[in-house]
Amino acid sequence: MGDKDISVIPKGYYCYDDKGICPYWSLIPLLPGQENGRCAFLEKSDWDLNEEKGKEVELFGKDVKLIGTESAHILKCSLLWDKVKECGLKKGG
């Protein structure tokens, strides 16, 4: 992450604010929707982050089945595809 400019990262919990979308955020068109977000600042995608977190989620209509977890409260999956920050920077607003 060394020489990357954090001044361009939006404030808040999302990869965007009233000034626009974070320049480090993108989608990877070849990956399935809801798994295709990428953060160039972190140099990681939804797939990378989900693998690191060790959680798998299967969606069945409105229900979510968690594999390897006991409770929905501990569901951890990347939401970069939906522009939710994973970098953790400037979350305070």
PDB file of N, CA and C in Angstrom:
ATOM      1  N   MET A   1       0.814  -1.188   0.000  1.00  0.00           N
ATOM      2  CA  MET A   1       0.000   0.000   0.000  1.00  0.00           C
ATOM      3  C   MET A   1       0.861   1.257   0.000  1.00  0.00           C
ATOM      4  N   GLY A   2       2.090   1.139   0.264  1.00  0.00           N
ATOM      5  CA  GLY A   2       3.094   2.176   0.368  1.00  0.00           C
ATOM      6  C   GLY A   2       2.811   3.564  -0.165  1.00  0.00           C
ATOM      7  N   ASP A   3       2.953   3.769  -1.476  1.00  0.00           N
ATOM      8  CA  ASP A   3       2.877   5.103  -2.061  1.00  0.00           C
ATOM      9  C   ASP A   3       1.470   5.501  -2.505  1.00  0.00           C
ATOM     10  N   LYS A   4       0.459   4.800  -2.102  1.00  0.00           N
ATOM     11  CA  LYS A   4      -0.896   5.099  -2.552  1.00  0.00           C
ATOM     12  C   LYS A   4      -1.451   6.306  -1.799  1.00  0.00           C
ATOM     13  N   ASP A   5      -2.209   7.105  -2.510  1.00  0.00           N
ATOM     14  CA  ASP A   5      -2.756   8.359  -1.995  1.00  0.00           C
ATOM     15  C   ASP A   5      -4.071   8.107  -1.257  1.00  0.00           C
ATOM     16  N   ILE A   6      -4.051   8.209   0.078  1.00  0.00           N
ATOM     17  CA  ILE A   6      -5.277   7.982   0.836  1.00  0.00           C
ATOM     18  C   ILE A   6      -6.187   9.215   0.836  1.00  0.00           C
ATOM     19  N   SER A   7      -5.693  10.342   0.376  1.00  0.00           N
ATOM     20  CA  SER A   7      -6.510  11.560   0.375  1.00  0.00           C
ATOM     21  C   SER A   7      -7.697  11.442  -0.582  1.00  0.00           C
ATOM     22  N   VAL A   8      -7.632  10.533  -1.554  1.00  0.00           N
ATOM     23  CA  VAL A   8      -8.714  10.381  -2.531  1.00  0.00           C
ATOM     24  C   VAL A   8      -9.789   9.396  -2.068  1.00  0.00           C
ATOM     25  N   ILE A   9      -9.549   8.730  -0.933  1.00  0.00           N
ATOM     26  CA  ILE A   9     -10.515   7.772  -0.406  1.00  0.00           C
ATOM     27  C   ILE A   9     -11.644   8.536   0.286  1.00  0.00           C
ATOM     28  N   PRO A  10     -12.901   8.270  -0.098  1.00  0.00           N
ATOM     29  CA  PRO A  10     -14.037   8.975   0.494  1.00  0.00           C
ATOM     30  C   PRO A  10     -14.165   8.715   1.992  1.00  0.00           C
ATOM     31  N   LYS A  11     -14.757   9.670   2.692  1.00  0.00           N
ATOM     32  CA  LYS A  11     -15.039   9.506   4.117  1.00  0.00           C
ATOM     33  C   LYS A  11     -16.300   8.677   4.282  1.00  0.00           C
ATOM     34  N   GLY A  12     -16.370   7.930   5.373  1.00  0.00           N
ATOM     35  CA  GLY A  12     -17.554   7.139   5.677  1.00  0.00           C
ATOM     36  C   GLY A  12     -17.331   5.655   5.475  1.00  0.00           C
ATOM     37  N   TYR A  13     -18.436   4.936   5.450  1.00  0.00           N
ATOM     38  CA  TYR A  13     -18.389   3.471   5.385  1.00  0.00           C
ATOM     39  C   TYR A  13     -18.457   2.910   3.976  1.00  0.00           C
ATOM     40  N   TYR A  14     -18.590   3.793   3.001  1.00  0.00           N
ATOM     41  CA  TYR A  14     -18.761   3.343   1.624  1.00  0.00           C
ATOM     42  C   TYR A  14     -17.624   3.829   0.731  1.00  0.00           C
ATOM     43  N   CYS A  15     -17.498   3.216  -0.426  1.00  0.00           N
ATOM     44  CA  CYS A  15     -16.463   3.569  -1.396  1.00  0.00           C
ATOM     45  C   CYS A  15     -16.899   4.758  -2.244  1.00  0.00           C
ATOM     46  N   TYR A  16     -17.787   5.559  -1.724  1.00  0.00           N
ATOM     47  CA  TYR A  16     -18.263   6.760  -2.420  1.00  0.00           C
ATOM     48  C   TYR A  16     -18.778   7.750  -1.381  1.00  0.00           C
ATOM     49  N   ASP A  17     -18.854   8.987  -1.788  1.00  0.00           N
ATOM     50  CA  ASP A  17     -19.486  10.028  -0.983  1.00  0.00           C
ATOM     51  C   ASP A  17     -20.048  11.062  -1.952  1.00  0.00           C
ATOM     52  N   ASP A  18     -20.370  12.246  -1.456  1.00  0.00           N
ATOM     53  CA  ASP A  18     -20.953  13.270  -2.330  1.00  0.00           C
ATOM     54  C   ASP A  18     -19.982  13.761  -3.400  1.00  0.00           C
ATOM     55  N   LYS A  19     -18.708  13.424  -3.259  1.00  0.00           N
ATOM     56  CA  LYS A  19     -17.690  13.817  -4.252  1.00  0.00           C
ATOM     57  C   LYS A  19     -17.496  12.766  -5.345  1.00  0.00           C
ATOM     58  N   GLY A  20     -18.078  11.577  -5.147  1.00  0.00           N
ATOM     59  CA  GLY A  20     -17.963  10.531  -6.159  1.00  0.00           C
ATOM     60  C   GLY A  20     -17.460   9.210  -5.609  1.00  0.00           C
ATOM     61  N   ILE A  21     -17.146   8.308  -6.529  1.00  0.00           N
ATOM     62  CA  ILE A  21     -16.680   6.953  -6.194  1.00  0.00           C
ATOM     63  C   ILE A  21     -15.172   6.951  -6.007  1.00  0.00           C
ATOM     64  N   CYS A  22     -14.709   6.182  -5.071  1.00  0.00           N
ATOM     65  CA  CYS A  22     -13.273   6.033  -4.806  1.00  0.00           C
ATOM     66  C   CYS A  22     -12.568   5.554  -6.081  1.00  0.00           C
ATOM     67  N   PRO A  23     -11.465   6.200  -6.444  1.00  0.00           N
ATOM     68  CA  PRO A  23     -10.743   5.780  -7.652  1.00  0.00           C
ATOM     69  C   PRO A  23     -10.110   4.388  -7.538  1.00  0.00           C
ATOM     70  N   TYR A  24     -10.017   3.857  -6.327  1.00  0.00           N
ATOM     71  CA  TYR A  24      -9.463   2.521  -6.131  1.00  0.00           C
ATOM     72  C   TYR A  24     -10.514   1.427  -6.318  1.00  0.00           C
ATOM     73  N   TRP A  25     -11.806   1.799  -6.343  1.00  0.00           N
ATOM     74  CA  TRP A  25     -12.890   0.824  -6.469  1.00  0.00           C
ATOM     75  C   TRP A  25     -13.174   0.504  -7.927  1.00  0.00           C
ATOM     76  N   SER A  26     -13.469  -0.772  -8.191  1.00  0.00           N
ATOM     77  CA  SER A  26     -13.876  -1.178  -9.535  1.00  0.00           C
ATOM     78  C   SER A  26     -14.630  -2.504  -9.463  1.00  0.00           C
ATOM     79  N   LEU A  27     -15.202  -2.886 -10.593  1.00  0.00           N
ATOM     80  CA  LEU A  27     -15.826  -4.197 -10.736  1.00  0.00           C
ATOM     81  C   LEU A  27     -15.003  -5.018 -11.716  1.00  0.00           C
ATOM     82  N   ILE A  28     -14.976  -6.319 -11.506  1.00  0.00           N
ATOM     83  CA  ILE A  28     -14.289  -7.240 -12.401  1.00  0.00           C
ATOM     84  C   ILE A  28     -15.381  -7.902 -13.248  1.00  0.00           C
ATOM     85  N   PRO A  29     -15.543  -7.494 -14.495  1.00  0.00           N
ATOM     86  CA  PRO A  29     -16.662  -7.957 -15.324  1.00  0.00           C
ATOM     87  C   PRO A  29     -16.738  -9.468 -15.522  1.00  0.00           C
ATOM     88  N   LEU A  30     -15.641 -10.165 -15.433  1.00  0.00           N
ATOM     89  CA  LEU A  30     -15.642 -11.609 -15.676  1.00  0.00           C
ATOM     90  C   LEU A  30     -16.128 -12.421 -14.484  1.00  0.00           C
ATOM     91  N   LEU A  31     -16.260 -11.798 -13.324  1.00  0.00           N
ATOM     92  CA  LEU A  31     -16.732 -12.510 -12.139  1.00  0.00           C
ATOM     93  C   LEU A  31     -18.236 -12.320 -11.975  1.00  0.00           C
ATOM     94  N   PRO A  32     -18.888 -13.248 -11.274  1.00  0.00           N
ATOM     95  CA  PRO A  32     -20.337 -13.137 -11.068  1.00  0.00           C
ATOM     96  C   PRO A  32     -20.703 -11.893 -10.256  1.00  0.00           C
ATOM     97  N   GLY A  33     -21.901 -11.361 -10.516  1.00  0.00           N
ATOM     98  CA  GLY A  33     -22.403 -10.244  -9.734  1.00  0.00           C
ATOM     99  C   GLY A  33     -22.428 -10.596  -8.256  1.00  0.00           C
ATOM    100  N   GLN A  34     -22.265  -9.627  -7.410  1.00  0.00           N
ATOM    101  CA  GLN A  34     -22.198  -9.750  -5.962  1.00  0.00           C
ATOM    102  C   GLN A  34     -20.955 -10.494  -5.492  1.00  0.00           C
ATOM    103  N   GLU A  35     -20.011 -10.696  -6.387  1.00  0.00           N
ATOM    104  CA  GLU A  35     -18.711 -11.272  -6.043  1.00  0.00           C
ATOM    105  C   GLU A  35     -17.618 -10.597  -6.866  1.00  0.00           C
ATOM    106  N   ASN A  36     -17.960  -9.508  -7.545  1.00  0.00           N
ATOM    107  CA  ASN A  36     -17.041  -8.950  -8.539  1.00  0.00           C
ATOM    108  C   ASN A  36     -16.436  -7.595  -8.169  1.00  0.00           C
ATOM    109  N   GLY A  37     -16.510  -7.216  -6.893  1.00  0.00           N
ATOM    110  CA  GLY A  37     -15.900  -5.958  -6.475  1.00  0.00           C
ATOM    111  C   GLY A  37     -14.402  -6.095  -6.293  1.00  0.00           C
ATOM    112  N   ARG A  38     -13.695  -4.970  -6.461  1.00  0.00           N
ATOM    113  CA  ARG A  38     -12.238  -4.974  -6.286  1.00  0.00           C
ATOM    114  C   ARG A  38     -11.789  -3.646  -5.711  1.00  0.00           C
ATOM    115  N   CYS A  39     -10.812  -3.704  -4.806  1.00  0.00           N
ATOM    116  CA  CYS A  39     -10.191  -2.513  -4.244  1.00  0.00           C
ATOM    117  C   CYS A  39      -8.717  -2.506  -4.650  1.00  0.00           C
ATOM    118  N   ALA A  40      -8.341  -1.561  -5.502  1.00  0.00           N
ATOM    119  CA  ALA A  40      -6.946  -1.470  -5.949  1.00  0.00           C
ATOM    120  C   ALA A  40      -6.039  -0.985  -4.824  1.00  0.00           C
ATOM    121  N   PHE A  41      -6.592  -0.263  -3.859  1.00  0.00           N
ATOM    122  CA  PHE A  41      -5.789   0.164  -2.709  1.00  0.00           C
ATOM    123  C   PHE A  41      -5.306  -1.064  -1.938  1.00  0.00           C
ATOM    124  N   LEU A  42      -6.227  -1.997  -1.699  1.00  0.00           N
ATOM    125  CA  LEU A  42      -5.879  -3.238  -0.988  1.00  0.00           C
ATOM    126  C   LEU A  42      -5.262  -4.283  -1.904  1.00  0.00           C
ATOM    127  N   GLU A  43      -5.471  -4.081  -3.220  1.00  0.00           N
ATOM    128  CA  GLU A  43      -5.060  -5.058  -4.225  1.00  0.00           C
ATOM    129  C   GLU A  43      -5.750  -6.397  -3.980  1.00  0.00           C
ATOM    130  N   LYS A  44      -7.069  -6.312  -3.639  1.00  0.00           N
ATOM    131  CA  LYS A  44      -7.856  -7.506  -3.350  1.00  0.00           C
ATOM    132  C   LYS A  44      -9.266  -7.343  -3.903  1.00  0.00           C
ATOM    133  N   SER A  45      -9.878  -8.497  -4.172  1.00  0.00           N
ATOM    134  CA  SER A  45     -11.248  -8.525  -4.678  1.00  0.00           C
ATOM    135  C   SER A  45     -12.156  -9.150  -3.618  1.00  0.00           C
ATOM    136  N   ASP A  46     -13.472  -9.155  -3.904  1.00  0.00           N
ATOM    137  CA  ASP A  46     -14.406  -9.858  -3.023  1.00  0.00           C
ATOM    138  C   ASP A  46     -13.962 -11.309  -2.838  1.00  0.00           C
ATOM    139  N   TRP A  47     -13.561 -11.940  -3.916  1.00  0.00           N
ATOM    140  CA  TRP A  47     -13.147 -13.350  -3.846  1.00  0.00           C
ATOM    141  C   TRP A  47     -11.961 -13.518  -2.901  1.00  0.00           C
ATOM    142  N   ASP A  48     -10.960 -12.644  -3.022  1.00  0.00           N
ATOM    143  CA  ASP A  48      -9.778 -12.730  -2.150  1.00  0.00           C
ATOM    144  C   ASP A  48     -10.162 -12.559  -0.686  1.00  0.00           C
ATOM    145  N   LEU A  49     -10.960 -11.544  -0.417  1.00  0.00           N
ATOM    146  CA  LEU A  49     -11.341 -11.240   0.962  1.00  0.00           C
ATOM    147  C   LEU A  49     -12.220 -12.334   1.555  1.00  0.00           C
ATOM    148  N   ASN A  50     -13.137 -12.872   0.774  1.00  0.00           N
ATOM    149  CA  ASN A  50     -13.984 -13.956   1.281  1.00  0.00           C
ATOM    150  C   ASN A  50     -13.161 -15.201   1.588  1.00  0.00           C
ATOM    151  N   GLU A  51     -12.173 -15.475   0.757  1.00  0.00           N
ATOM    152  CA  GLU A  51     -11.304 -16.627   1.009  1.00  0.00           C
ATOM    153  C   GLU A  51     -10.510 -16.429   2.300  1.00  0.00           C
ATOM    154  N   GLU A  52     -10.005 -15.218   2.519  1.00  0.00           N
ATOM    155  CA  GLU A  52      -9.260 -14.917   3.742  1.00  0.00           C
ATOM    156  C   GLU A  52     -10.125 -15.052   4.988  1.00  0.00           C
ATOM    157  N   LYS A  53     -11.372 -14.633   4.881  1.00  0.00           N
ATOM    158  CA  LYS A  53     -12.276 -14.673   6.026  1.00  0.00           C
ATOM    159  C   LYS A  53     -12.795 -16.079   6.290  1.00  0.00           C
ATOM    160  N   GLY A  54     -12.635 -16.975   5.316  1.00  0.00           N
ATOM    161  CA  GLY A  54     -12.980 -18.373   5.511  1.00  0.00           C
ATOM    162  C   GLY A  54     -14.463 -18.655   5.644  1.00  0.00           C
ATOM    163  N   LYS A  55     -15.288 -17.822   5.086  1.00  0.00           N
ATOM    164  CA  LYS A  55     -16.729 -18.032   5.184  1.00  0.00           C
ATOM    165  C   LYS A  55     -17.304 -18.269   3.802  1.00  0.00           C
ATOM    166  N   GLU A  56     -18.277 -19.139   3.733  1.00  0.00           N
ATOM    167  CA  GLU A  56     -18.998 -19.372   2.493  1.00  0.00           C
ATOM    168  C   GLU A  56     -20.464 -19.105   2.764  1.00  0.00           C
ATOM    169  N   VAL A  57     -21.126 -18.520   1.811  1.00  0.00           N
ATOM    170  CA  VAL A  57     -22.541 -18.206   1.960  1.00  0.00           C
ATOM    171  C   VAL A  57     -23.287 -18.760   0.764  1.00  0.00           C
ATOM    172  N   GLU A  58     -24.379 -19.442   1.011  1.00  0.00           N
ATOM    173  CA  GLU A  58     -25.249 -19.898  -0.062  1.00  0.00           C
ATOM    174  C   GLU A  58     -26.594 -19.220   0.123  1.00  0.00           C
ATOM    175  N   LEU A  59     -27.106 -18.631  -0.927  1.00  0.00           N
ATOM    176  CA  LEU A  59     -28.388 -17.956  -0.860  1.00  0.00           C
ATOM    177  C   LEU A  59     -29.484 -18.858  -1.384  1.00  0.00           C
ATOM    178  N   PHE A  60     -30.548 -18.961  -0.635  1.00  0.00           N
ATOM    179  CA  PHE A  60     -31.719 -19.743  -1.026  1.00  0.00           C
ATOM    180  C   PHE A  60     -32.938 -18.835  -0.897  1.00  0.00           C
ATOM    181  N   GLY A  61     -33.279 -18.163  -1.965  1.00  0.00           N
ATOM    182  CA  GLY A  61     -34.392 -17.223  -1.900  1.00  0.00           C
ATOM    183  C   GLY A  61     -34.083 -16.128  -0.899  1.00  0.00           C
ATOM    184  N   LYS A  62     -34.929 -15.996   0.104  1.00  0.00           N
ATOM    185  CA  LYS A  62     -34.716 -14.968   1.117  1.00  0.00           C
ATOM    186  C   LYS A  62     -33.887 -15.475   2.291  1.00  0.00           C
ATOM    187  N   ASP A  63     -33.628 -16.777   2.335  1.00  0.00           N
ATOM    188  CA  ASP A  63     -32.881 -17.353   3.453  1.00  0.00           C
ATOM    189  C   ASP A  63     -31.401 -17.425   3.121  1.00  0.00           C
ATOM    190  N   VAL A  64     -30.576 -17.306   4.122  1.00  0.00           N
ATOM    191  CA  VAL A  64     -29.131 -17.431   3.946  1.00  0.00           C
ATOM    192  C   VAL A  64     -28.668 -18.636   4.743  1.00  0.00           C
ATOM    193  N   LYS A  65     -27.988 -19.541   4.082  1.00  0.00           N
ATOM    194  CA  LYS A  65     -27.424 -20.705   4.761  1.00  0.00           C
ATOM    195  C   LYS A  65     -25.928 -20.454   4.919  1.00  0.00           C
ATOM    196  N   LEU A  66     -25.459 -20.498   6.135  1.00  0.00           N
ATOM    197  CA  LEU A  66     -24.049 -20.265   6.404  1.00  0.00           C
ATOM    198  C   LEU A  66     -23.340 -21.601   6.553  1.00  0.00           C
ATOM    199  N   ILE A  67     -22.239 -21.716   5.888  1.00  0.00           N
ATOM    200  CA  ILE A  67     -21.450 -22.942   5.959  1.00  0.00           C
ATOM    201  C   ILE A  67     -20.226 -22.636   6.818  1.00  0.00           C
ATOM    202  N   GLY A  68     -20.021 -23.410   7.854  1.00  0.00           N
ATOM    203  CA  GLY A  68     -18.873 -23.211   8.725  1.00  0.00           C
ATOM    204  C   GLY A  68     -19.093 -22.141   9.788  1.00  0.00           C
ATOM    205  N   THR A  69     -20.336 -21.715   9.960  1.00  0.00           N
ATOM    206  CA  THR A  69     -20.643 -20.749  11.014  1.00  0.00           C
ATOM    207  C   THR A  69     -21.878 -21.226  11.764  1.00  0.00           C
ATOM    208  N   GLU A  70     -22.080 -20.699  12.954  1.00  0.00           N
ATOM    209  CA  GLU A  70     -23.225 -21.102  13.761  1.00  0.00           C
ATOM    210  C   GLU A  70     -24.323 -20.056  13.784  1.00  0.00           C
ATOM    211  N   SER A  71     -24.026 -18.841  13.387  1.00  0.00           N
ATOM    212  CA  SER A  71     -25.004 -17.775  13.526  1.00  0.00           C
ATOM    213  C   SER A  71     -24.841 -16.747  12.418  1.00  0.00           C
ATOM    214  N   ALA A  72     -25.961 -16.180  11.973  1.00  0.00           N
ATOM    215  CA  ALA A  72     -25.906 -15.110  10.972  1.00  0.00           C
ATOM    216  C   ALA A  72     -25.188 -13.893  11.519  1.00  0.00           C
ATOM    217  N   HIS A  73     -25.101 -13.795  12.834  1.00  0.00           N
ATOM    218  CA  HIS A  73     -24.434 -12.641  13.442  1.00  0.00           C
ATOM    219  C   HIS A  73     -22.931 -12.639  13.201  1.00  0.00           C
ATOM    220  N   ILE A  74     -22.378 -13.760  12.827  1.00  0.00           N
ATOM    221  CA  ILE A  74     -20.946 -13.798  12.563  1.00  0.00           C
ATOM    222  C   ILE A  74     -20.634 -13.923  11.075  1.00  0.00           C
ATOM    223  N   LEU A  75     -21.657 -13.693  10.251  1.00  0.00           N
ATOM    224  CA  LEU A  75     -21.454 -13.705   8.801  1.00  0.00           C
ATOM    225  C   LEU A  75     -20.423 -12.649   8.424  1.00  0.00           C
ATOM    226  N   LYS A  76     -19.398 -13.064   7.749  1.00  0.00           N
ATOM    227  CA  LYS A  76     -18.376 -12.127   7.289  1.00  0.00           C
ATOM    228  C   LYS A  76     -18.119 -12.396   5.820  1.00  0.00           C
ATOM    229  N   CYS A  77     -18.559 -11.494   4.993  1.00  0.00           N
ATOM    230  CA  CYS A  77     -18.269 -11.620   3.574  1.00  0.00           C
ATOM    231  C   CYS A  77     -18.048 -10.219   3.017  1.00  0.00           C
ATOM    232  N   SER A  78     -17.270 -10.139   2.004  1.00  0.00           N
ATOM    233  CA  SER A  78     -16.919  -8.856   1.409  1.00  0.00           C
ATOM    234  C   SER A  78     -18.088  -8.292   0.615  1.00  0.00           C
ATOM    235  N   LEU A  79     -18.312  -7.007   0.767  1.00  0.00           N
ATOM    236  CA  LEU A  79     -19.366  -6.319   0.030  1.00  0.00           C
ATOM    237  C   LEU A  79     -18.785  -5.224  -0.859  1.00  0.00           C
ATOM    238  N   LEU A  80     -17.566  -5.441  -1.324  1.00  0.00           N
ATOM    239  CA  LEU A  80     -16.969  -4.461  -2.240  1.00  0.00           C
ATOM    240  C   LEU A  80     -17.848  -4.251  -3.468  1.00  0.00           C
ATOM    241  N   TRP A  81     -18.445  -5.313  -3.961  1.00  0.00           N
ATOM    242  CA  TRP A  81     -19.318  -5.218  -5.136  1.00  0.00           C
ATOM    243  C   TRP A  81     -20.414  -4.181  -4.925  1.00  0.00           C
ATOM    244  N   ASP A  82     -20.813  -3.972  -3.662  1.00  0.00           N
ATOM    245  CA  ASP A  82     -21.871  -3.024  -3.327  1.00  0.00           C
ATOM    246  C   ASP A  82     -21.289  -1.710  -2.793  1.00  0.00           C
ATOM    247  N   LYS A  83     -20.011  -1.518  -3.030  1.00  0.00           N
ATOM    248  CA  LYS A  83     -19.278  -0.307  -2.636  1.00  0.00           C
ATOM    249  C   LYS A  83     -19.228  -0.093  -1.121  1.00  0.00           C
ATOM    250  N   VAL A  84     -19.143  -1.190  -0.362  1.00  0.00           N
ATOM    251  CA  VAL A  84     -18.944  -1.101   1.082  1.00  0.00           C
ATOM    252  C   VAL A  84     -17.450  -1.262   1.340  1.00  0.00           C
ATOM    253  N   LYS A  85     -16.872  -0.325   2.090  1.00  0.00           N
ATOM    254  CA  LYS A  85     -15.415  -0.303   2.299  1.00  0.00           C
ATOM    255  C   LYS A  85     -14.885  -1.553   2.989  1.00  0.00           C
ATOM    256  N   GLU A  86     -13.743  -1.991   2.545  1.00  0.00           N
ATOM    257  CA  GLU A  86     -12.966  -3.031   3.199  1.00  0.00           C
ATOM    258  C   GLU A  86     -11.620  -2.483   3.688  1.00  0.00           C
ATOM    259  N   CYS A  87     -11.234  -1.315   3.205  1.00  0.00           N
ATOM    260  CA  CYS A  87      -9.931  -0.757   3.582  1.00  0.00           C
ATOM    261  C   CYS A  87      -9.920  -0.243   5.016  1.00  0.00           C
ATOM    262  N   GLY A  88     -11.085   0.159   5.537  1.00  0.00           N
ATOM    263  CA  GLY A  88     -11.166   0.647   6.910  1.00  0.00           C
ATOM    264  C   GLY A  88     -10.724   2.095   7.094  1.00  0.00           C
ATOM    265  N   LEU A  89     -10.323   2.748   6.026  1.00  0.00           N
ATOM    266  CA  LEU A  89      -9.821   4.113   6.139  1.00  0.00           C
ATOM    267  C   LEU A  89     -10.950   5.137   6.125  1.00  0.00           C
ATOM    268  N   LYS A  90     -10.805   6.156   6.932  1.00  0.00           N
ATOM    269  CA  LYS A  90     -11.725   7.294   6.991  1.00  0.00           C
ATOM    270  C   LYS A  90     -13.164   6.903   7.286  1.00  0.00           C
ATOM    271  N   LYS A  91     -13.379   5.826   8.006  1.00  0.00           N
ATOM    272  CA  LYS A  91     -14.741   5.391   8.304  1.00  0.00           C
ATOM    273  C   LYS A  91     -15.460   6.357   9.248  1.00  0.00           C
ATOM    274  N   GLY A  92     -14.713   7.093  10.027  1.00  0.00           N
ATOM    275  CA  GLY A  92     -15.316   7.988  11.008  1.00  0.00           C
ATOM    276  C   GLY A  92     -16.092   9.146  10.422  1.00  0.00           C
ATOM    277  N   GLY A  93     -15.971   9.374   9.135  1.00  0.00           N
ATOM    278  CA  GLY A  93     -16.736  10.449   8.502  1.00  0.00           C
ATOM    279  C   GLY A  93     -15.984  11.709   8.286  1.00  0.00           C
TER     280      GLY A  93
END
